[in-house]
Amino acid sequence: MRDVVVLDCAVEEIAEAADYLDQETPGLGDEFIEEVQRTIGRLRLNPYVGPKIESRVHKIRLRRFSYDLIYLIPPSSVIVVAVV
């Protein structure tokens, strides 16, 4: 199992997306954050679950939302760099 680091810029993008979703439907932002946490848990267990989109960059789609986590896989961890 690997450590997952979420960069500050990705944390901000998660918060912005959650705020937007809450404006559309109250409570949906919390569900979004829970889905991000579940997806991070999947990455901890198997970082290669998401397809490679560039030489060292992978992405994984959130199951319930139309967002992707963009991440790198250095030797001993996973680094989430963006949420798009």
PDB file of N, CA and C in Angstrom:
ATOM      1  N   MET A   1       0.850  -1.169   0.000  1.00  0.00           N
ATOM      2  CA  MET A   1       0.000   0.000   0.000  1.00  0.00           C
ATOM      3  C   MET A   1       0.898   1.236   0.000  1.00  0.00           C
ATOM      4  N   ARG A   2       0.532   2.220  -0.806  1.00  0.00           N
ATOM      5  CA  ARG A   2       1.339   3.444  -0.955  1.00  0.00           C
ATOM      6  C   ARG A   2       0.696   4.618  -0.240  1.00  0.00           C
ATOM      7  N   ASP A   3       1.543   5.554   0.152  1.00  0.00           N
ATOM      8  CA  ASP A   3       1.040   6.826   0.664  1.00  0.00           C
ATOM      9  C   ASP A   3       0.529   7.637  -0.522  1.00  0.00           C
ATOM     10  N   VAL A   4      -0.519   8.410  -0.287  1.00  0.00           N
ATOM     11  CA  VAL A   4      -1.043   9.304  -1.321  1.00  0.00           C
ATOM     12  C   VAL A   4      -0.897  10.732  -0.810  1.00  0.00           C
ATOM     13  N   VAL A   5      -0.250  11.562  -1.615  1.00  0.00           N
ATOM     14  CA  VAL A   5      -0.079  12.978  -1.316  1.00  0.00           C
ATOM     15  C   VAL A   5      -0.969  13.750  -2.286  1.00  0.00           C
ATOM     16  N   VAL A   6      -1.773  14.651  -1.747  1.00  0.00           N
ATOM     17  CA  VAL A   6      -2.626  15.496  -2.586  1.00  0.00           C
ATOM     18  C   VAL A   6      -2.043  16.906  -2.524  1.00  0.00           C
ATOM     19  N   LEU A   7      -1.572  17.393  -3.659  1.00  0.00           N
ATOM     20  CA  LEU A   7      -0.973  18.731  -3.696  1.00  0.00           C
ATOM     21  C   LEU A   7      -2.002  19.793  -3.349  1.00  0.00           C
ATOM     22  N   ASP A   8      -1.522  20.913  -2.821  1.00  0.00           N
ATOM     23  CA  ASP A   8      -2.415  22.005  -2.425  1.00  0.00           C
ATOM     24  C   ASP A   8      -3.318  22.463  -3.563  1.00  0.00           C
ATOM     25  N   CYS A   9      -2.774  22.523  -4.776  1.00  0.00           N
ATOM     26  CA  CYS A   9      -3.576  22.979  -5.905  1.00  0.00           C
ATOM     27  C   CYS A   9      -4.736  22.005  -6.161  1.00  0.00           C
ATOM     28  N   ALA A  10      -4.517  20.707  -5.965  1.00  0.00           N
ATOM     29  CA  ALA A  10      -5.583  19.721  -6.144  1.00  0.00           C
ATOM     30  C   ALA A  10      -6.609  19.832  -5.016  1.00  0.00           C
ATOM     31  N   VAL A  11      -6.144  20.115  -3.800  1.00  0.00           N
ATOM     32  CA  VAL A  11      -7.063  20.307  -2.675  1.00  0.00           C
ATOM     33  C   VAL A  11      -7.990  21.481  -2.970  1.00  0.00           C
ATOM     34  N   GLU A  12      -7.436  22.553  -3.509  1.00  0.00           N
ATOM     35  CA  GLU A  12      -8.241  23.720  -3.870  1.00  0.00           C
ATOM     36  C   GLU A  12      -9.267  23.364  -4.946  1.00  0.00           C
ATOM     37  N   GLU A  13      -8.855  22.580  -5.931  1.00  0.00           N
ATOM     38  CA  GLU A  13      -9.784  22.185  -6.999  1.00  0.00           C
ATOM     39  C   GLU A  13     -10.908  21.300  -6.456  1.00  0.00           C
ATOM     40  N   ILE A  14     -10.582  20.438  -5.507  1.00  0.00           N
ATOM     41  CA  ILE A  14     -11.607  19.597  -4.872  1.00  0.00           C
ATOM     42  C   ILE A  14     -12.605  20.475  -4.126  1.00  0.00           C
ATOM     43  N   ALA A  15     -12.099  21.442  -3.370  1.00  0.00           N
ATOM     44  CA  ALA A  15     -12.977  22.350  -2.613  1.00  0.00           C
ATOM     45  C   ALA A  15     -13.860  23.171  -3.547  1.00  0.00           C
ATOM     46  N   GLU A  16     -13.289  23.673  -4.635  1.00  0.00           N
ATOM     47  CA  GLU A  16     -14.067  24.466  -5.598  1.00  0.00           C
ATOM     48  C   GLU A  16     -15.165  23.626  -6.239  1.00  0.00           C
ATOM     49  N   ALA A  17     -14.834  22.393  -6.618  1.00  0.00           N
ATOM     50  CA  ALA A  17     -15.828  21.509  -7.227  1.00  0.00           C
ATOM     51  C   ALA A  17     -16.935  21.185  -6.228  1.00  0.00           C
ATOM     52  N   ALA A  18     -16.548  20.923  -4.974  1.00  0.00           N
ATOM     53  CA  ALA A  18     -17.544  20.617  -3.944  1.00  0.00           C
ATOM     54  C   ALA A  18     -18.470  21.806  -3.710  1.00  0.00           C
ATOM     55  N   ASP A  19     -17.917  23.011  -3.664  1.00  0.00           N
ATOM     56  CA  ASP A  19     -18.739  24.215  -3.498  1.00  0.00           C
ATOM     57  C   ASP A  19     -19.713  24.375  -4.654  1.00  0.00           C
ATOM     58  N   TYR A  20     -19.226  24.186  -5.873  1.00  0.00           N
ATOM     59  CA  TYR A  20     -20.085  24.293  -7.055  1.00  0.00           C
ATOM     60  C   TYR A  20     -21.224  23.274  -6.982  1.00  0.00           C
ATOM     61  N   LEU A  21     -20.888  22.025  -6.653  1.00  0.00           N
ATOM     62  CA  LEU A  21     -21.912  20.984  -6.593  1.00  0.00           C
ATOM     63  C   LEU A  21     -22.923  21.256  -5.486  1.00  0.00           C
ATOM     64  N   ASP A  22     -22.464  21.815  -4.363  1.00  0.00           N
ATOM     65  CA  ASP A  22     -23.381  22.175  -3.276  1.00  0.00           C
ATOM     66  C   ASP A  22     -24.348  23.278  -3.685  1.00  0.00           C
ATOM     67  N   GLN A  23     -23.882  24.193  -4.534  1.00  0.00           N
ATOM     68  CA  GLN A  23     -24.774  25.245  -5.023  1.00  0.00           C
ATOM     69  C   GLN A  23     -25.853  24.664  -5.920  1.00  0.00           C
ATOM     70  N   GLU A  24     -25.494  23.642  -6.681  1.00  0.00           N
ATOM     71  CA  GLU A  24     -26.462  22.990  -7.567  1.00  0.00           C
ATOM     72  C   GLU A  24     -27.455  22.150  -6.768  1.00  0.00           C
ATOM     73  N   THR A  25     -26.936  21.376  -5.829  1.00  0.00           N
ATOM     74  CA  THR A  25     -27.766  20.503  -4.992  1.00  0.00           C
ATOM     75  C   THR A  25     -27.131  20.432  -3.613  1.00  0.00           C
ATOM     76  N   PRO A  26     -27.793  20.987  -2.599  1.00  0.00           N
ATOM     77  CA  PRO A  26     -27.222  20.939  -1.252  1.00  0.00           C
ATOM     78  C   PRO A  26     -26.879  19.494  -0.839  1.00  0.00           C
ATOM     79  N   GLY A  27     -25.677  19.332  -0.294  1.00  0.00           N
ATOM     80  CA  GLY A  27     -25.213  18.016   0.143  1.00  0.00           C
ATOM     81  C   GLY A  27     -24.397  17.267  -0.895  1.00  0.00           C
ATOM     82  N   LEU A  28     -24.515  17.671  -2.148  1.00  0.00           N
ATOM     83  CA  LEU A  28     -23.809  16.965  -3.214  1.00  0.00           C
ATOM     84  C   LEU A  28     -22.294  17.158  -3.104  1.00  0.00           C
ATOM     85  N   GLY A  29     -21.870  18.295  -2.595  1.00  0.00           N
ATOM     86  CA  GLY A  29     -20.445  18.544  -2.411  1.00  0.00           C
ATOM     87  C   GLY A  29     -19.822  17.559  -1.430  1.00  0.00           C
ATOM     88  N   ASP A  30     -20.545  17.253  -0.353  1.00  0.00           N
ATOM     89  CA  ASP A  30     -20.044  16.267   0.608  1.00  0.00           C
ATOM     90  C   ASP A  30     -19.937  14.889  -0.031  1.00  0.00           C
ATOM     91  N   GLU A  31     -20.910  14.539  -0.855  1.00  0.00           N
ATOM     92  CA  GLU A  31     -20.868  13.255  -1.555  1.00  0.00           C
ATOM     93  C   GLU A  31     -19.680  13.213  -2.522  1.00  0.00           C
ATOM     94  N   PHE A  32     -19.406  14.340  -3.154  1.00  0.00           N
ATOM     95  CA  PHE A  32     -18.252  14.436  -4.048  1.00  0.00           C
ATOM     96  C   PHE A  32     -16.951  14.189  -3.280  1.00  0.00           C
ATOM     97  N   ILE A  33     -16.808  14.830  -2.136  1.00  0.00           N
ATOM     98  CA  ILE A  33     -15.598  14.660  -1.335  1.00  0.00           C
ATOM     99  C   ILE A  33     -15.464  13.204  -0.882  1.00  0.00           C
ATOM    100  N   GLU A  34     -16.560  12.573  -0.503  1.00  0.00           N
ATOM    101  CA  GLU A  34     -16.515  11.152  -0.126  1.00  0.00           C
ATOM    102  C   GLU A  34     -16.058  10.292  -1.303  1.00  0.00           C
ATOM    103  N   GLU A  35     -16.527  10.618  -2.504  1.00  0.00           N
ATOM    104  CA  GLU A  35     -16.118   9.859  -3.686  1.00  0.00           C
ATOM    105  C   GLU A  35     -14.639  10.073  -3.992  1.00  0.00           C
ATOM    106  N   VAL A  36     -14.151  11.291  -3.804  1.00  0.00           N
ATOM    107  CA  VAL A  36     -12.708  11.555  -3.977  1.00  0.00           C
ATOM    108  C   VAL A  36     -11.922  10.705  -2.981  1.00  0.00           C
ATOM    109  N   GLN A  37     -12.369  10.651  -1.736  1.00  0.00           N
ATOM    110  CA  GLN A  37     -11.672   9.863  -0.722  1.00  0.00           C
ATOM    111  C   GLN A  37     -11.682   8.370  -1.075  1.00  0.00           C
ATOM    112  N   ARG A  38     -12.804   7.858  -1.570  1.00  0.00           N
ATOM    113  CA  ARG A  38     -12.861   6.449  -1.992  1.00  0.00           C
ATOM    114  C   ARG A  38     -11.881   6.186  -3.128  1.00  0.00           C
ATOM    115  N   THR A  39     -11.816   7.121  -4.069  1.00  0.00           N
ATOM    116  CA  THR A  39     -10.917   6.957  -5.211  1.00  0.00           C
ATOM    117  C   THR A  39      -9.460   6.993  -4.762  1.00  0.00           C
ATOM    118  N   ILE A  40      -9.137   7.867  -3.836  1.00  0.00           N
ATOM    119  CA  ILE A  40      -7.787   7.905  -3.280  1.00  0.00           C
ATOM    120  C   ILE A  40      -7.468   6.579  -2.594  1.00  0.00           C
ATOM    121  N   GLY A  41      -8.441   6.004  -1.929  1.00  0.00           N
ATOM    122  CA  GLY A  41      -8.251   4.688  -1.318  1.00  0.00           C
ATOM    123  C   GLY A  41      -7.936   3.620  -2.348  1.00  0.00           C
ATOM    124  N   ARG A  42      -8.604   3.689  -3.500  1.00  0.00           N
ATOM    125  CA  ARG A  42      -8.309   2.750  -4.582  1.00  0.00           C
ATOM    126  C   ARG A  42      -6.883   2.927  -5.078  1.00  0.00           C
ATOM    127  N   LEU A  43      -6.442   4.191  -5.189  1.00  0.00           N
ATOM    128  CA  LEU A  43      -5.071   4.462  -5.643  1.00  0.00           C
ATOM    129  C   LEU A  43      -4.036   3.942  -4.655  1.00  0.00           C
ATOM    130  N   ARG A  44      -4.361   4.010  -3.363  1.00  0.00           N
ATOM    131  CA  ARG A  44      -3.447   3.485  -2.342  1.00  0.00           C
ATOM    132  C   ARG A  44      -3.179   1.996  -2.568  1.00  0.00           C
ATOM    133  N   LEU A  45      -4.234   1.276  -2.910  1.00  0.00           N
ATOM    134  CA  LEU A  45      -4.120  -0.172  -3.093  1.00  0.00           C
ATOM    135  C   LEU A  45      -3.498  -0.548  -4.434  1.00  0.00           C
ATOM    136  N   ASN A  46      -3.855   0.199  -5.479  1.00  0.00           N
ATOM    137  CA  ASN A  46      -3.359  -0.125  -6.826  1.00  0.00           C
ATOM    138  C   ASN A  46      -3.235   1.152  -7.647  1.00  0.00           C
ATOM    139  N   PRO A  47      -2.089   1.817  -7.597  1.00  0.00           N
ATOM    140  CA  PRO A  47      -1.943   3.082  -8.316  1.00  0.00           C
ATOM    141  C   PRO A  47      -1.994   2.927  -9.833  1.00  0.00           C
ATOM    142  N   TYR A  48      -1.821   1.713 -10.321  1.00  0.00           N
ATOM    143  CA  TYR A  48      -1.827   1.506 -11.775  1.00  0.00           C
ATOM    144  C   TYR A  48      -3.224   1.238 -12.321  1.00  0.00           C
ATOM    145  N   VAL A  49      -4.256   1.419 -11.491  1.00  0.00           N
ATOM    146  CA  VAL A  49      -5.629   1.188 -11.925  1.00  0.00           C
ATOM    147  C   VAL A  49      -6.055   2.189 -13.008  1.00  0.00           C
ATOM    148  N   GLY A  50      -5.511   3.395 -12.978  1.00  0.00           N
ATOM    149  CA  GLY A  50      -5.860   4.416 -13.964  1.00  0.00           C
ATOM    150  C   GLY A  50      -4.932   4.374 -15.164  1.00  0.00           C
ATOM    151  N   PRO A  51      -5.469   4.678 -16.347  1.00  0.00           N
ATOM    152  CA  PRO A  51      -4.629   4.643 -17.545  1.00  0.00           C
ATOM    153  C   PRO A  51      -3.578   5.753 -17.549  1.00  0.00           C
ATOM    154  N   LYS A  52      -2.485   5.472 -18.230  1.00  0.00           N
ATOM    155  CA  LYS A  52      -1.419   6.452 -18.406  1.00  0.00           C
ATOM    156  C   LYS A  52      -1.857   7.419 -19.498  1.00  0.00           C
ATOM    157  N   ILE A  53      -1.717   8.731 -19.237  1.00  0.00           N
ATOM    158  CA  ILE A  53      -2.089   9.723 -20.252  1.00  0.00           C
ATOM    159  C   ILE A  53      -0.872  10.437 -20.815  1.00  0.00           C
ATOM    160  N   GLU A  54       0.239  10.368 -20.104  1.00  0.00           N
ATOM    161  CA  GLU A  54       1.537  10.849 -20.572  1.00  0.00           C
ATOM    162  C   GLU A  54       2.583   9.944 -19.964  1.00  0.00           C
ATOM    163  N   SER A  55       3.839  10.231 -20.179  1.00  0.00           N
ATOM    164  CA  SER A  55       4.889   9.297 -19.777  1.00  0.00           C
ATOM    165  C   SER A  55       4.793   8.852 -18.315  1.00  0.00           C
ATOM    166  N   ARG A  56       4.583   9.754 -17.379  1.00  0.00           N
ATOM    167  CA  ARG A  56       4.492   9.372 -15.960  1.00  0.00           C
ATOM    168  C   ARG A  56       3.187   9.833 -15.331  1.00  0.00           C
ATOM    169  N   VAL A  57       2.245  10.256 -16.135  1.00  0.00           N
ATOM    170  CA  VAL A  57       1.001  10.836 -15.629  1.00  0.00           C
ATOM    171  C   VAL A  57      -0.157   9.879 -15.897  1.00  0.00           C
ATOM    172  N   HIS A  58      -0.942   9.645 -14.851  1.00  0.00           N
ATOM    173  CA  HIS A  58      -2.111   8.778 -14.955  1.00  0.00           C
ATOM    174  C   HIS A  58      -3.358   9.564 -14.589  1.00  0.00           C
ATOM    175  N   LYS A  59      -4.509   8.993 -14.917  1.00  0.00           N
ATOM    176  CA  LYS A  59      -5.768   9.596 -14.485  1.00  0.00           C
ATOM    177  C   LYS A  59      -6.716   8.479 -14.081  1.00  0.00           C
ATOM    178  N   ILE A  60      -7.633   8.838 -13.194  1.00  0.00           N
ATOM    179  CA  ILE A  60      -8.673   7.910 -12.798  1.00  0.00           C
ATOM    180  C   ILE A  60      -9.970   8.697 -12.675  1.00  0.00           C
ATOM    181  N   ARG A  61     -11.002   8.174 -13.259  1.00  0.00           N
ATOM    182  CA  ARG A  61     -12.320   8.827 -13.251  1.00  0.00           C
ATOM    183  C   ARG A  61     -13.030   8.506 -11.938  1.00  0.00           C
ATOM    184  N   LEU A  62     -13.631   9.529 -11.351  1.00  0.00           N
ATOM    185  CA  LEU A  62     -14.481   9.278 -10.190  1.00  0.00           C
ATOM    186  C   LEU A  62     -15.708   8.501 -10.666  1.00  0.00           C
ATOM    187  N   ARG A  63     -16.145   7.557  -9.898  1.00  0.00           N
ATOM    188  CA  ARG A  63     -17.248   6.692 -10.339  1.00  0.00           C
ATOM    189  C   ARG A  63     -18.576   7.429 -10.470  1.00  0.00           C
ATOM    190  N   ARG A  64     -18.859   8.363  -9.566  1.00  0.00           N
ATOM    191  CA  ARG A  64     -20.162   9.020  -9.560  1.00  0.00           C
ATOM    192  C   ARG A  64     -20.188  10.393 -10.205  1.00  0.00           C
ATOM    193  N   PHE A  65     -19.048  10.960 -10.455  1.00  0.00           N
ATOM    194  CA  PHE A  65     -18.976  12.338 -10.934  1.00  0.00           C
ATOM    195  C   PHE A  65     -18.088  12.417 -12.167  1.00  0.00           C
ATOM    196  N   SER A  66     -18.335  13.407 -12.980  1.00  0.00           N
ATOM    197  CA  SER A  66     -17.559  13.582 -14.219  1.00  0.00           C
ATOM    198  C   SER A  66     -16.275  14.366 -13.950  1.00  0.00           C
ATOM    199  N   TYR A  67     -15.480  13.850 -13.062  1.00  0.00           N
ATOM    200  CA  TYR A  67     -14.193  14.450 -12.722  1.00  0.00           C
ATOM    201  C   TYR A  67     -13.133  13.357 -12.748  1.00  0.00           C
ATOM    202  N   ASP A  68     -11.909  13.748 -13.080  1.00  0.00           N
ATOM    203  CA  ASP A  68     -10.764  12.844 -13.047  1.00  0.00           C
ATOM    204  C   ASP A  68      -9.757  13.339 -12.014  1.00  0.00           C
ATOM    205  N   LEU A  69      -9.108  12.404 -11.338  1.00  0.00           N
ATOM    206  CA  LEU A  69      -7.924  12.730 -10.553  1.00  0.00           C
ATOM    207  C   LEU A  69      -6.723  12.495 -11.459  1.00  0.00           C
ATOM    208  N   ILE A  70      -5.865  13.467 -11.570  1.00  0.00           N
ATOM    209  CA  ILE A  70      -4.632  13.361 -12.348  1.00  0.00           C
ATOM    210  C   ILE A  70      -3.509  13.138 -11.339  1.00  0.00           C
ATOM    211  N   TYR A  71      -2.692  12.103 -11.581  1.00  0.00           N
ATOM    212  CA  TYR A  71      -1.696  11.760 -10.581  1.00  0.00           C
ATOM    213  C   TYR A  71      -0.418  11.186 -11.185  1.00  0.00           C
ATOM    214  N   LEU A  72       0.625  11.260 -10.379  1.00  0.00           N
ATOM    215  CA  LEU A  72       1.949  10.717 -10.718  1.00  0.00           C
ATOM    216  C   LEU A  72       2.211   9.522  -9.803  1.00  0.00           C
ATOM    217  N   ILE A  73       3.071   8.617 -10.264  1.00  0.00           N
ATOM    218  CA  ILE A  73       3.441   7.455  -9.455  1.00  0.00           C
ATOM    219  C   ILE A  73       4.965   7.406  -9.300  1.00  0.00           C
ATOM    220  N   PRO A  74       5.493   8.162  -8.319  1.00  0.00           N
ATOM    221  CA  PRO A  74       6.910   7.998  -8.020  1.00  0.00           C
ATOM    222  C   PRO A  74       7.117   6.647  -7.307  1.00  0.00           C
ATOM    223  N   PRO A  75       8.357   6.246  -7.036  1.00  0.00           N
ATOM    224  CA  PRO A  75       8.615   4.896  -6.526  1.00  0.00           C
ATOM    225  C   PRO A  75       7.834   4.452  -5.287  1.00  0.00           C
ATOM    226  N   SER A  76       7.590   5.318  -4.329  1.00  0.00           N
ATOM    227  CA  SER A  76       6.977   4.827  -3.098  1.00  0.00           C
ATOM    228  C   SER A  76       5.678   5.522  -2.703  1.00  0.00           C
ATOM    229  N   SER A  77       5.106   6.310  -3.591  1.00  0.00           N
ATOM    230  CA  SER A  77       3.892   7.031  -3.248  1.00  0.00           C
ATOM    231  C   SER A  77       3.057   7.306  -4.488  1.00  0.00           C
ATOM    232  N   VAL A  78       1.966   8.009  -4.287  1.00  0.00           N
ATOM    233  CA  VAL A  78       1.121   8.513  -5.370  1.00  0.00           C
ATOM    234  C   VAL A  78       0.929   9.997  -5.089  1.00  0.00           C
ATOM    235  N   ILE A  79       1.054  10.836  -6.116  1.00  0.00           N
ATOM    236  CA  ILE A  79       0.894  12.273  -5.936  1.00  0.00           C
ATOM    237  C   ILE A  79      -0.249  12.744  -6.824  1.00  0.00           C
ATOM    238  N   VAL A  80      -1.345  13.190  -6.193  1.00  0.00           N
ATOM    239  CA  VAL A  80      -2.475  13.748  -6.928  1.00  0.00           C
ATOM    240  C   VAL A  80      -2.148  15.201  -7.215  1.00  0.00           C
ATOM    241  N   VAL A  81      -2.096  15.540  -8.510  1.00  0.00           N
ATOM    242  CA  VAL A  81      -1.670  16.890  -8.898  1.00  0.00           C
ATOM    243  C   VAL A  81      -2.823  17.769  -9.352  1.00  0.00           C
ATOM    244  N   ALA A  82      -3.955  17.158  -9.749  1.00  0.00           N
ATOM    245  CA  ALA A  82      -5.072  17.969 -10.246  1.00  0.00           C
ATOM    246  C   ALA A  82      -6.366  17.173 -10.185  1.00  0.00           C
ATOM    247  N   VAL A  83      -7.454  17.921 -10.185  1.00  0.00           N
ATOM    248  CA  VAL A  83      -8.801  17.355 -10.278  1.00  0.00           C
ATOM    249  C   VAL A  83      -9.492  18.122 -11.394  1.00  0.00           C
ATOM    250  N   VAL A  84      -9.818  17.425 -12.466  1.00  0.00           N
ATOM    251  CA  VAL A  84     -10.430  18.092 -13.629  1.00  0.00           C
ATOM    252  C   VAL A  84     -11.690  17.381 -14.059  1.00  0.00           C
TER     253      VAL A  84
END
